[in-house]
Amino acid sequence: MSLKSSFLSAAALSLVLASCGDDPELVRKREEQRAELRKLRSELDVLDERLKNAPKDRSADLAKLEEETAAREEKISALETEVAALEAKKKELEAEFEDYRRKYPIR
């Protein structure tokens, strides 16, 4: 921003030096331009401040969370498969136990 200010100051100084004894209409225009420059500088300062206060980029955090989510979903899927296999084994063992109880009733 200091480079911009330096450039604008140099431009303003050159206008002042060149305008000695100038036409009043040109002097009026120059003053209007200076006022416009001040207005634009203040707007630029406000925008710079907003940029400084903008939230930081969170895309790296988001990518990490997506990786963790994918890993957890994969683990959940593996556990669901394991639970299904264990439930099938349980049904098989229950059926075997019922067969055993029919063959060897308790007296």
PDB file of N, CA and C in Angstrom:
ATOM      1  N   MET A   1       0.824  -1.175   0.000  1.00  0.00           N
ATOM      2  CA  MET A   1       0.000   0.000   0.000  1.00  0.00           C
ATOM      3  C   MET A   1       0.871   1.243   0.000  1.00  0.00           C
ATOM      4  N   SER A   2       2.056   1.214   0.541  1.00  0.00           N
ATOM      5  CA  SER A   2       2.913   2.390   0.579  1.00  0.00           C
ATOM      6  C   SER A   2       3.375   2.762  -0.833  1.00  0.00           C
ATOM      7  N   LEU A   3       3.526   1.749  -1.697  1.00  0.00           N
ATOM      8  CA  LEU A   3       3.902   2.040  -3.077  1.00  0.00           C
ATOM      9  C   LEU A   3       2.787   2.835  -3.758  1.00  0.00           C
ATOM     10  N   LYS A   4       1.547   2.449  -3.478  1.00  0.00           N
ATOM     11  CA  LYS A   4       0.410   3.175  -4.059  1.00  0.00           C
ATOM     12  C   LYS A   4       0.394   4.617  -3.543  1.00  0.00           C
ATOM     13  N   SER A   5       0.609   4.762  -2.248  1.00  0.00           N
ATOM     14  CA  SER A   5       0.590   6.098  -1.652  1.00  0.00           C
ATOM     15  C   SER A   5       1.710   6.955  -2.220  1.00  0.00           C
ATOM     16  N   SER A   6       2.888   6.349  -2.390  1.00  0.00           N
ATOM     17  CA  SER A   6       4.016   7.098  -2.943  1.00  0.00           C
ATOM     18  C   SER A   6       3.716   7.563  -4.356  1.00  0.00           C
ATOM     19  N   PHE A   7       3.148   6.664  -5.134  1.00  0.00           N
ATOM     20  CA  PHE A   7       2.819   6.998  -6.515  1.00  0.00           C
ATOM     21  C   PHE A   7       1.780   8.122  -6.555  1.00  0.00           C
ATOM     22  N   LEU A   8       0.755   7.986  -5.721  1.00  0.00           N
ATOM     23  CA  LEU A   8      -0.291   9.007  -5.713  1.00  0.00           C
ATOM     24  C   LEU A   8       0.245  10.344  -5.208  1.00  0.00           C
ATOM     25  N   SER A   9       1.132  10.298  -4.212  1.00  0.00           N
ATOM     26  CA  SER A   9       1.727  11.539  -3.710  1.00  0.00           C
ATOM     27  C   SER A   9       2.576  12.209  -4.784  1.00  0.00           C
ATOM     28  N   ALA A  10       3.342  11.400  -5.512  1.00  0.00           N
ATOM     29  CA  ALA A  10       4.173  11.949  -6.580  1.00  0.00           C
ATOM     30  C   ALA A  10       3.303  12.557  -7.678  1.00  0.00           C
ATOM     31  N   ALA A  11       2.201  11.878  -7.986  1.00  0.00           N
ATOM     32  CA  ALA A  11       1.293  12.399  -9.009  1.00  0.00           C
ATOM     33  C   ALA A  11       0.669  13.707  -8.548  1.00  0.00           C
ATOM     34  N   ALA A  12       0.280  13.755  -7.281  1.00  0.00           N
ATOM     35  CA  ALA A  12      -0.319  14.974  -6.753  1.00  0.00           C
ATOM     36  C   ALA A  12       0.694  16.112  -6.744  1.00  0.00           C
ATOM     37  N   LEU A  13       1.937  15.829  -6.348  1.00  0.00           N
ATOM     38  CA  LEU A  13       2.985  16.842  -6.317  1.00  0.00           C
ATOM     39  C   LEU A  13       3.258  17.378  -7.722  1.00  0.00           C
ATOM     40  N   SER A  14       3.293  16.477  -8.691  1.00  0.00           N
ATOM     41  CA  SER A  14       3.542  16.940 -10.057  1.00  0.00           C
ATOM     42  C   SER A  14       2.390  17.822 -10.550  1.00  0.00           C
ATOM     43  N   LEU A  15       1.176  17.518 -10.123  1.00  0.00           N
ATOM     44  CA  LEU A  15       0.040  18.357 -10.507  1.00  0.00           C
ATOM     45  C   LEU A  15       0.140  19.741  -9.870  1.00  0.00           C
ATOM     46  N   VAL A  16       0.577  19.770  -8.613  1.00  0.00           N
ATOM     47  CA  VAL A  16       0.704  21.060  -7.917  1.00  0.00           C
ATOM     48  C   VAL A  16       1.757  21.921  -8.605  1.00  0.00           C
ATOM     49  N   LEU A  17       2.910  21.314  -8.909  1.00  0.00           N
ATOM     50  CA  LEU A  17       3.980  22.085  -9.537  1.00  0.00           C
ATOM     51  C   LEU A  17       3.591  22.557 -10.936  1.00  0.00           C
ATOM     52  N   ALA A  18       2.859  21.732 -11.626  1.00  0.00           N
ATOM     53  CA  ALA A  18       2.482  22.090 -12.990  1.00  0.00           C
ATOM     54  C   ALA A  18       1.345  23.096 -13.027  1.00  0.00           C
ATOM     55  N   SER A  19       0.650  23.251 -11.905  1.00  0.00           N
ATOM     56  CA  SER A  19      -0.545  24.083 -11.941  1.00  0.00           C
ATOM     57  C   SER A  19      -0.325  25.510 -11.440  1.00  0.00           C
ATOM     58  N   CYS A  20       0.885  25.926 -11.223  1.00  0.00           N
ATOM     59  CA  CYS A  20       1.127  27.301 -10.759  1.00  0.00           C
ATOM     60  C   CYS A  20       0.605  28.281 -11.817  1.00  0.00           C
ATOM     61  N   GLY A  21      -0.298  29.130 -11.399  1.00  0.00           N
ATOM     62  CA  GLY A  21      -0.850  30.121 -12.310  1.00  0.00           C
ATOM     63  C   GLY A  21      -1.842  29.534 -13.279  1.00  0.00           C
ATOM     64  N   ASP A  22      -2.455  28.392 -12.938  1.00  0.00           N
ATOM     65  CA  ASP A  22      -3.399  27.730 -13.848  1.00  0.00           C
ATOM     66  C   ASP A  22      -4.760  28.394 -13.821  1.00  0.00           C
ATOM     67  N   ASP A  23      -5.509  28.011 -14.761  1.00  0.00           N
ATOM     68  CA  ASP A  23      -6.884  28.452 -14.924  1.00  0.00           C
ATOM     69  C   ASP A  23      -7.710  28.004 -13.711  1.00  0.00           C
ATOM     70  N   PRO A  24      -8.591  28.849 -13.191  1.00  0.00           N
ATOM     71  CA  PRO A  24      -9.409  28.477 -12.020  1.00  0.00           C
ATOM     72  C   PRO A  24     -10.264  27.229 -12.264  1.00  0.00           C
ATOM     73  N   GLU A  25     -10.700  27.030 -13.474  1.00  0.00           N
ATOM     74  CA  GLU A  25     -11.481  25.826 -13.801  1.00  0.00           C
ATOM     75  C   GLU A  25     -10.630  24.577 -13.606  1.00  0.00           C
ATOM     76  N   LEU A  26      -9.356  24.639 -14.051  1.00  0.00           N
ATOM     77  CA  LEU A  26      -8.448  23.500 -13.884  1.00  0.00           C
ATOM     78  C   LEU A  26      -8.143  23.261 -12.404  1.00  0.00           C
ATOM     79  N   VAL A  27      -8.019  24.347 -11.657  1.00  0.00           N
ATOM     80  CA  VAL A  27      -7.769  24.221 -10.224  1.00  0.00           C
ATOM     81  C   VAL A  27      -8.964  23.543  -9.552  1.00  0.00           C
ATOM     82  N   ARG A  28     -10.170  23.929  -9.928  1.00  0.00           N
ATOM     83  CA  ARG A  28     -11.380  23.318  -9.375  1.00  0.00           C
ATOM     84  C   ARG A  28     -11.429  21.830  -9.698  1.00  0.00           C
ATOM     85  N   LYS A  29     -11.124  21.449 -10.932  1.00  0.00           N
ATOM     86  CA  LYS A  29     -11.116  20.050 -11.337  1.00  0.00           C
ATOM     87  C   LYS A  29     -10.070  19.268 -10.544  1.00  0.00           C
ATOM     88  N   ARG A  30      -8.898  19.897 -10.372  1.00  0.00           N
ATOM     89  CA  ARG A  30      -7.821  19.236  -9.622  1.00  0.00           C
ATOM     90  C   ARG A  30      -8.274  18.946  -8.188  1.00  0.00           C
ATOM     91  N   GLU A  31      -8.952  19.912  -7.583  1.00  0.00           N
ATOM     92  CA  GLU A  31      -9.438  19.723  -6.211  1.00  0.00           C
ATOM     93  C   GLU A  31     -10.504  18.628  -6.152  1.00  0.00           C
ATOM     94  N   GLU A  32     -11.347  18.574  -7.178  1.00  0.00           N
ATOM     95  CA  GLU A  32     -12.340  17.495  -7.238  1.00  0.00           C
ATOM     96  C   GLU A  32     -11.652  16.139  -7.358  1.00  0.00           C
ATOM     97  N   GLN A  33     -10.598  16.095  -8.168  1.00  0.00           N
ATOM     98  CA  GLN A  33      -9.853  14.841  -8.335  1.00  0.00           C
ATOM     99  C   GLN A  33      -9.161  14.443  -7.035  1.00  0.00           C
ATOM    100  N   ARG A  34      -8.620  15.404  -6.322  1.00  0.00           N
ATOM    101  CA  ARG A  34      -7.989  15.111  -5.037  1.00  0.00           C
ATOM    102  C   ARG A  34      -9.015  14.557  -4.047  1.00  0.00           C
ATOM    103  N   ALA A  35     -10.192  15.151  -4.040  1.00  0.00           N
ATOM    104  CA  ALA A  35     -11.254  14.674  -3.150  1.00  0.00           C
ATOM    105  C   ALA A  35     -11.645  13.240  -3.529  1.00  0.00           C
ATOM    106  N   GLU A  36     -11.748  13.001  -4.809  1.00  0.00           N
ATOM    107  CA  GLU A  36     -12.074  11.649  -5.287  1.00  0.00           C
ATOM    108  C   GLU A  36     -10.974  10.666  -4.892  1.00  0.00           C
ATOM    109  N   LEU A  37      -9.711  11.083  -5.019  1.00  0.00           N
ATOM    110  CA  LEU A  37      -8.592  10.221  -4.626  1.00  0.00           C
ATOM    111  C   LEU A  37      -8.658   9.897  -3.124  1.00  0.00           C
ATOM    112  N   ARG A  38      -8.957  10.902  -2.302  1.00  0.00           N
ATOM    113  CA  ARG A  38      -9.076  10.649  -0.858  1.00  0.00           C
ATOM    114  C   ARG A  38     -10.193   9.646  -0.576  1.00  0.00           C
ATOM    115  N   LYS A  39     -11.299   9.824  -1.265  1.00  0.00           N
ATOM    116  CA  LYS A  39     -12.429   8.912  -1.087  1.00  0.00           C
ATOM    117  C   LYS A  39     -12.033   7.485  -1.496  1.00  0.00           C
ATOM    118  N   LEU A  40     -11.377   7.374  -2.637  1.00  0.00           N
ATOM    119  CA  LEU A  40     -10.966   6.047  -3.117  1.00  0.00           C
ATOM    120  C   LEU A  40      -9.935   5.414  -2.185  1.00  0.00           C
ATOM    121  N   ARG A  41      -9.016   6.234  -1.648  1.00  0.00           N
ATOM    122  CA  ARG A  41      -8.025   5.704  -0.700  1.00  0.00           C
ATOM    123  C   ARG A  41      -8.711   5.161   0.542  1.00  0.00           C
ATOM    124  N   SER A  42      -9.687   5.896   1.040  1.00  0.00           N
ATOM    125  CA  SER A  42     -10.376   5.431   2.252  1.00  0.00           C
ATOM    126  C   SER A  42     -11.155   4.145   1.965  1.00  0.00           C
ATOM    127  N   GLU A  43     -11.766   4.064   0.791  1.00  0.00           N
ATOM    128  CA  GLU A  43     -12.459   2.831   0.420  1.00  0.00           C
ATOM    129  C   GLU A  43     -11.478   1.676   0.296  1.00  0.00           C
ATOM    130  N   LEU A  44     -10.305   1.950  -0.277  1.00  0.00           N
ATOM    131  CA  LEU A  44      -9.276   0.924  -0.413  1.00  0.00           C
ATOM    132  C   LEU A  44      -8.783   0.470   0.955  1.00  0.00           C
ATOM    133  N   ASP A  45      -8.628   1.404   1.878  1.00  0.00           N
ATOM    134  CA  ASP A  45      -8.215   1.045   3.243  1.00  0.00           C
ATOM    135  C   ASP A  45      -9.248   0.138   3.909  1.00  0.00           C
ATOM    136  N   VAL A  46     -10.519   0.445   3.708  1.00  0.00           N
ATOM    137  CA  VAL A  46     -11.585  -0.384   4.283  1.00  0.00           C
ATOM    138  C   VAL A  46     -11.527  -1.788   3.692  1.00  0.00           C
ATOM    139  N   LEU A  47     -11.357  -1.876   2.375  1.00  0.00           N
ATOM    140  CA  LEU A  47     -11.281  -3.186   1.729  1.00  0.00           C
ATOM    141  C   LEU A  47     -10.046  -3.963   2.183  1.00  0.00           C
ATOM    142  N   ASP A  48      -8.913  -3.290   2.337  1.00  0.00           N
ATOM    143  CA  ASP A  48      -7.709  -3.945   2.846  1.00  0.00           C
ATOM    144  C   ASP A  48      -7.936  -4.495   4.247  1.00  0.00           C
ATOM    145  N   GLU A  49      -8.611  -3.728   5.070  1.00  0.00           N
ATOM    146  CA  GLU A  49      -8.903  -4.177   6.448  1.00  0.00           C
ATOM    147  C   GLU A  49      -9.812  -5.398   6.433  1.00  0.00           C
ATOM    148  N   ARG A  50     -10.791  -5.386   5.550  1.00  0.00           N
ATOM    149  CA  ARG A  50     -11.674  -6.558   5.431  1.00  0.00           C
ATOM    150  C   ARG A  50     -10.901  -7.785   4.997  1.00  0.00           C
ATOM    151  N   LEU A  51      -9.965  -7.612   4.080  1.00  0.00           N
ATOM    152  CA  LEU A  51      -9.148  -8.743   3.632  1.00  0.00           C
ATOM    153  C   LEU A  51      -8.289  -9.289   4.768  1.00  0.00           C
ATOM    154  N   LYS A  52      -7.770  -8.408   5.594  1.00  0.00           N
ATOM    155  CA  LYS A  52      -6.949  -8.841   6.721  1.00  0.00           C
ATOM    156  C   LYS A  52      -7.773  -9.642   7.721  1.00  0.00           C
ATOM    157  N   ASN A  53      -9.039  -9.273   7.880  1.00  0.00           N
ATOM    158  CA  ASN A  53      -9.907  -9.925   8.857  1.00  0.00           C
ATOM    159  C   ASN A  53     -10.688 -11.105   8.287  1.00  0.00           C
ATOM    160  N   ALA A  54     -10.459 -11.430   7.033  1.00  0.00           N
ATOM    161  CA  ALA A  54     -11.173 -12.551   6.418  1.00  0.00           C
ATOM    162  C   ALA A  54     -10.732 -13.862   7.077  1.00  0.00           C
ATOM    163  N   PRO A  55     -11.642 -14.826   7.168  1.00  0.00           N
ATOM    164  CA  PRO A  55     -11.259 -16.111   7.777  1.00  0.00           C
ATOM    165  C   PRO A  55     -10.226 -16.824   6.926  1.00  0.00           C
ATOM    166  N   LYS A  56      -9.381 -17.601   7.618  1.00  0.00           N
ATOM    167  CA  LYS A  56      -8.323 -18.287   6.882  1.00  0.00           C
ATOM    168  C   LYS A  56      -8.889 -19.453   6.082  1.00  0.00           C
ATOM    169  N   ASP A  57      -8.124 -19.886   5.133  1.00  0.00           N
ATOM    170  CA  ASP A  57      -8.520 -20.972   4.243  1.00  0.00           C
ATOM    171  C   ASP A  57      -8.544 -22.287   5.018  1.00  0.00           C
ATOM    172  N   ARG A  58      -9.655 -22.980   4.988  1.00  0.00           N
ATOM    173  CA  ARG A  58      -9.817 -24.233   5.727  1.00  0.00           C
ATOM    174  C   ARG A  58      -9.873 -25.445   4.805  1.00  0.00           C
ATOM    175  N   SER A  59      -9.465 -25.317   3.565  1.00  0.00           N
ATOM    176  CA  SER A  59      -9.572 -26.433   2.619  1.00  0.00           C
ATOM    177  C   SER A  59      -8.667 -27.599   3.021  1.00  0.00           C
ATOM    178  N   ALA A  60      -7.504 -27.333   3.617  1.00  0.00           N
ATOM    179  CA  ALA A  60      -6.627 -28.422   4.054  1.00  0.00           C
ATOM    180  C   ALA A  60      -7.280 -29.197   5.192  1.00  0.00           C
ATOM    181  N   ASP A  61      -7.918 -28.481   6.127  1.00  0.00           N
ATOM    182  CA  ASP A  61      -8.626 -29.147   7.219  1.00  0.00           C
ATOM    183  C   ASP A  61      -9.772 -29.998   6.678  1.00  0.00           C
ATOM    184  N   LEU A  62     -10.471 -29.459   5.692  1.00  0.00           N
ATOM    185  CA  LEU A  62     -11.583 -30.184   5.096  1.00  0.00           C
ATOM    186  C   LEU A  62     -11.099 -31.463   4.414  1.00  0.00           C
ATOM    187  N   ALA A  63      -9.987 -31.394   3.693  1.00  0.00           N
ATOM    188  CA  ALA A  63      -9.442 -32.575   3.030  1.00  0.00           C
ATOM    189  C   ALA A  63      -9.064 -33.636   4.063  1.00  0.00           C
ATOM    190  N   LYS A  64      -8.460 -33.217   5.159  1.00  0.00           N
ATOM    191  CA  LYS A  64      -8.080 -34.158   6.219  1.00  0.00           C
ATOM    192  C   LYS A  64      -9.316 -34.827   6.809  1.00  0.00           C
ATOM    193  N   LEU A  65     -10.357 -34.040   7.073  1.00  0.00           N
ATOM    194  CA  LEU A  65     -11.590 -34.596   7.621  1.00  0.00           C
ATOM    195  C   LEU A  65     -12.256 -35.568   6.644  1.00  0.00           C
ATOM    196  N   GLU A  66     -12.179 -35.257   5.363  1.00  0.00           N
ATOM    197  CA  GLU A  66     -12.753 -36.165   4.364  1.00  0.00           C
ATOM    198  C   GLU A  66     -12.000 -37.492   4.344  1.00  0.00           C
ATOM    199  N   GLU A  67     -10.680 -37.450   4.477  1.00  0.00           N
ATOM    200  CA  GLU A  67      -9.885 -38.680   4.535  1.00  0.00           C
ATOM    201  C   GLU A  67     -10.249 -39.500   5.769  1.00  0.00           C
ATOM    202  N   GLU A  68     -10.364 -38.825   6.913  1.00  0.00           N
ATOM    203  CA  GLU A  68     -10.727 -39.527   8.143  1.00  0.00           C
ATOM    204  C   GLU A  68     -12.125 -40.143   8.030  1.00  0.00           C
ATOM    205  N   THR A  69     -13.042 -39.415   7.420  1.00  0.00           N
ATOM    206  CA  THR A  69     -14.401 -39.919   7.241  1.00  0.00           C
ATOM    207  C   THR A  69     -14.395 -41.154   6.348  1.00  0.00           C
ATOM    208  N   ALA A  70     -13.629 -41.111   5.270  1.00  0.00           N
ATOM    209  CA  ALA A  70     -13.554 -42.262   4.365  1.00  0.00           C
ATOM    210  C   ALA A  70     -12.972 -43.478   5.102  1.00  0.00           C
ATOM    211  N   ALA A  71     -11.937 -43.258   5.917  1.00  0.00           N
ATOM    212  CA  ALA A  71     -11.334 -44.361   6.668  1.00  0.00           C
ATOM    213  C   ALA A  71     -12.337 -44.938   7.669  1.00  0.00           C
ATOM    214  N   ARG A  72     -13.082 -44.089   8.328  1.00  0.00           N
ATOM    215  CA  ARG A  72     -14.085 -44.561   9.298  1.00  0.00           C
ATOM    216  C   ARG A  72     -15.214 -45.313   8.606  1.00  0.00           C
ATOM    217  N   GLU A  73     -15.646 -44.819   7.461  1.00  0.00           N
ATOM    218  CA  GLU A  73     -16.694 -45.522   6.714  1.00  0.00           C
ATOM    219  C   GLU A  73     -16.215 -46.894   6.271  1.00  0.00           C
ATOM    220  N   GLU A  74     -14.966 -46.991   5.878  1.00  0.00           N
ATOM    221  CA  GLU A  74     -14.390 -48.275   5.478  1.00  0.00           C
ATOM    222  C   GLU A  74     -14.366 -49.237   6.673  1.00  0.00           C
ATOM    223  N   LYS A  75     -13.978 -48.718   7.842  1.00  0.00           N
ATOM    224  CA  LYS A  75     -13.947 -49.548   9.048  1.00  0.00           C
ATOM    225  C   LYS A  75     -15.354 -49.988   9.433  1.00  0.00           C
ATOM    226  N   ILE A  76     -16.328 -49.079   9.326  1.00  0.00           N
ATOM    227  CA  ILE A  76     -17.718 -49.423   9.626  1.00  0.00           C
ATOM    228  C   ILE A  76     -18.197 -50.536   8.706  1.00  0.00           C
ATOM    229  N   SER A  77     -17.875 -50.427   7.439  1.00  0.00           N
ATOM    230  CA  SER A  77     -18.274 -51.446   6.471  1.00  0.00           C
ATOM    231  C   SER A  77     -17.658 -52.799   6.831  1.00  0.00           C
ATOM    232  N   ALA A  78     -16.382 -52.808   7.210  1.00  0.00           N
ATOM    233  CA  ALA A  78     -15.729 -54.056   7.594  1.00  0.00           C
ATOM    234  C   ALA A  78     -16.380 -54.644   8.843  1.00  0.00           C
ATOM    235  N   LEU A  79     -16.704 -53.784   9.817  1.00  0.00           N
ATOM    236  CA  LEU A  79     -17.349 -54.269  11.038  1.00  0.00           C
ATOM    237  C   LEU A  79     -18.754 -54.802  10.759  1.00  0.00           C
ATOM    238  N   GLU A  80     -19.479 -54.157   9.871  1.00  0.00           N
ATOM    239  CA  GLU A  80     -20.811 -54.655   9.508  1.00  0.00           C
ATOM    240  C   GLU A  80     -20.721 -56.021   8.851  1.00  0.00           C
ATOM    241  N   THR A  81     -19.719 -56.210   8.005  1.00  0.00           N
ATOM    242  CA  THR A  81     -19.518 -57.507   7.369  1.00  0.00           C
ATOM    243  C   THR A  81     -19.188 -58.562   8.419  1.00  0.00           C
ATOM    244  N   GLU A  82     -18.339 -58.198   9.369  1.00  0.00           N
ATOM    245  CA  GLU A  82     -17.969 -59.130  10.427  1.00  0.00           C
ATOM    246  C   GLU A  82     -19.182 -59.486  11.291  1.00  0.00           C
ATOM    247  N   VAL A  83     -20.017 -58.501  11.615  1.00  0.00           N
ATOM    248  CA  VAL A  83     -21.230 -58.745  12.407  1.00  0.00           C
ATOM    249  C   VAL A  83     -22.167 -59.683  11.645  1.00  0.00           C
ATOM    250  N   ALA A  84     -22.332 -59.469  10.359  1.00  0.00           N
ATOM    251  CA  ALA A  84     -23.201 -60.341   9.558  1.00  0.00           C
ATOM    252  C   ALA A  84     -22.669 -61.777   9.571  1.00  0.00           C
ATOM    253  N   ALA A  85     -21.366 -61.937   9.451  1.00  0.00           N
ATOM    254  CA  ALA A  85     -20.774 -63.282   9.481  1.00  0.00           C
ATOM    255  C   ALA A  85     -20.981 -63.928  10.850  1.00  0.00           C
ATOM    256  N   LEU A  86     -20.817 -63.161  11.908  1.00  0.00           N
ATOM    257  CA  LEU A  86     -21.010 -63.696  13.264  1.00  0.00           C
ATOM    258  C   LEU A  86     -22.482 -64.062  13.508  1.00  0.00           C
ATOM    259  N   GLU A  87     -23.405 -63.273  12.990  1.00  0.00           N
ATOM    260  CA  GLU A  87     -24.819 -63.605  13.133  1.00  0.00           C
ATOM    261  C   GLU A  87     -25.159 -64.892  12.390  1.00  0.00           C
ATOM    262  N   ALA A  88     -24.581 -65.073  11.220  1.00  0.00           N
ATOM    263  CA  ALA A  88     -24.800 -66.311  10.461  1.00  0.00           C
ATOM    264  C   ALA A  88     -24.237 -67.508  11.237  1.00  0.00           C
ATOM    265  N   LYS A  89     -23.060 -67.336  11.806  1.00  0.00           N
ATOM    266  CA  LYS A  89     -22.442 -68.410  12.610  1.00  0.00           C
ATOM    267  C   LYS A  89     -23.307 -68.716  13.831  1.00  0.00           C
ATOM    268  N   LYS A  90     -23.864 -67.683  14.460  1.00  0.00           N
ATOM    269  CA  LYS A  90     -24.733 -67.859  15.632  1.00  0.00           C
ATOM    270  C   LYS A  90     -25.961 -68.680  15.255  1.00  0.00           C
ATOM    271  N   LYS A  91     -26.604 -68.338  14.130  1.00  0.00           N
ATOM    272  CA  LYS A  91     -27.777 -69.090  13.681  1.00  0.00           C
ATOM    273  C   LYS A  91     -27.418 -70.548  13.428  1.00  0.00           C
ATOM    274  N   GLU A  92     -26.255 -70.763  12.821  1.00  0.00           N
ATOM    275  CA  GLU A  92     -25.796 -72.123  12.539  1.00  0.00           C
ATOM    276  C   GLU A  92     -25.588 -72.895  13.845  1.00  0.00           C
ATOM    277  N   LEU A  93     -24.947 -72.259  14.825  1.00  0.00           N
ATOM    278  CA  LEU A  93     -24.711 -72.925  16.112  1.00  0.00           C
ATOM    279  C   LEU A  93     -26.015 -73.176  16.863  1.00  0.00           C
ATOM    280  N   GLU A  94     -26.960 -72.236  16.786  1.00  0.00           N
ATOM    281  CA  GLU A  94     -28.254 -72.445  17.420  1.00  0.00           C
ATOM    282  C   GLU A  94     -28.992 -73.624  16.794  1.00  0.00           C
ATOM    283  N   ALA A  95     -28.894 -73.728  15.456  1.00  0.00           N
ATOM    284  CA  ALA A  95     -29.537 -74.864  14.774  1.00  0.00           C
ATOM    285  C   ALA A  95     -28.880 -76.174  15.212  1.00  0.00           C
ATOM    286  N   GLU A  96     -27.574 -76.210  15.308  1.00  0.00           N
ATOM    287  CA  GLU A  96     -26.866 -77.417  15.767  1.00  0.00           C
ATOM    288  C   GLU A  96     -27.274 -77.763  17.203  1.00  0.00           C
ATOM    289  N   PHE A  97     -27.414 -76.762  18.045  1.00  0.00           N
ATOM    290  CA  PHE A  97     -27.784 -76.987  19.435  1.00  0.00           C
ATOM    291  C   PHE A  97     -29.191 -77.566  19.532  1.00  0.00           C
ATOM    292  N   GLU A  98     -30.110 -77.045  18.713  1.00  0.00           N
ATOM    293  CA  GLU A  98     -31.472 -77.585  18.706  1.00  0.00           C
ATOM    294  C   GLU A  98     -31.473 -79.044  18.251  1.00  0.00           C
ATOM    295  N   ASP A  99     -30.672 -79.356  17.240  1.00  0.00           N
ATOM    296  CA  ASP A  99     -30.556 -80.753  16.793  1.00  0.00           C
ATOM    297  C   ASP A  99     -30.027 -81.627  17.936  1.00  0.00           C
ATOM    298  N   TYR A 100     -29.042 -81.137  18.633  1.00  0.00           N
ATOM    299  CA  TYR A 100     -28.445 -81.882  19.753  1.00  0.00           C
ATOM    300  C   TYR A 100     -29.495 -82.105  20.848  1.00  0.00           C
ATOM    301  N   ARG A 101     -30.278 -81.070  21.156  1.00  0.00           N
ATOM    302  CA  ARG A 101     -31.291 -81.195  22.201  1.00  0.00           C
ATOM    303  C   ARG A 101     -32.387 -82.196  21.799  1.00  0.00           C
ATOM    304  N   ARG A 102     -32.706 -82.251  20.507  1.00  0.00           N
ATOM    305  CA  ARG A 102     -33.705 -83.221  20.057  1.00  0.00           C
ATOM    306  C   ARG A 102     -33.166 -84.645  20.145  1.00  0.00           C
ATOM    307  N   LYS A 103     -31.877 -84.796  19.792  1.00  0.00           N
ATOM    308  CA  LYS A 103     -31.278 -86.136  19.825  1.00  0.00           C
ATOM    309  C   LYS A 103     -31.088 -86.622  21.271  1.00  0.00           C
ATOM    310  N   TYR A 104     -30.719 -85.716  22.133  1.00  0.00           N
ATOM    311  CA  TYR A 104     -30.414 -86.095  23.525  1.00  0.00           C
ATOM    312  C   TYR A 104     -31.256 -85.268  24.502  1.00  0.00           C
ATOM    313  N   PRO A 105     -32.524 -85.637  24.636  1.00  0.00           N
ATOM    314  CA  PRO A 105     -33.385 -84.883  25.552  1.00  0.00           C
ATOM    315  C   PRO A 105     -32.949 -85.066  27.007  1.00  0.00           C
ATOM    316  N   ILE A 106     -33.223 -84.101  27.809  1.00  0.00           N
ATOM    317  CA  ILE A 106     -32.867 -84.139  29.224  1.00  0.00           C
ATOM    318  C   ILE A 106     -33.976 -84.923  29.942  1.00  0.00           C
ATOM    319  N   ARG A 107     -33.589 -85.943  30.784  1.00  0.00           N
ATOM    320  CA  ARG A 107     -34.574 -86.773  31.473  1.00  0.00           C
ATOM    321  C   ARG A 107     -34.601 -86.496  32.906  1.00  0.00           C
TER     322      ARG A 107
END
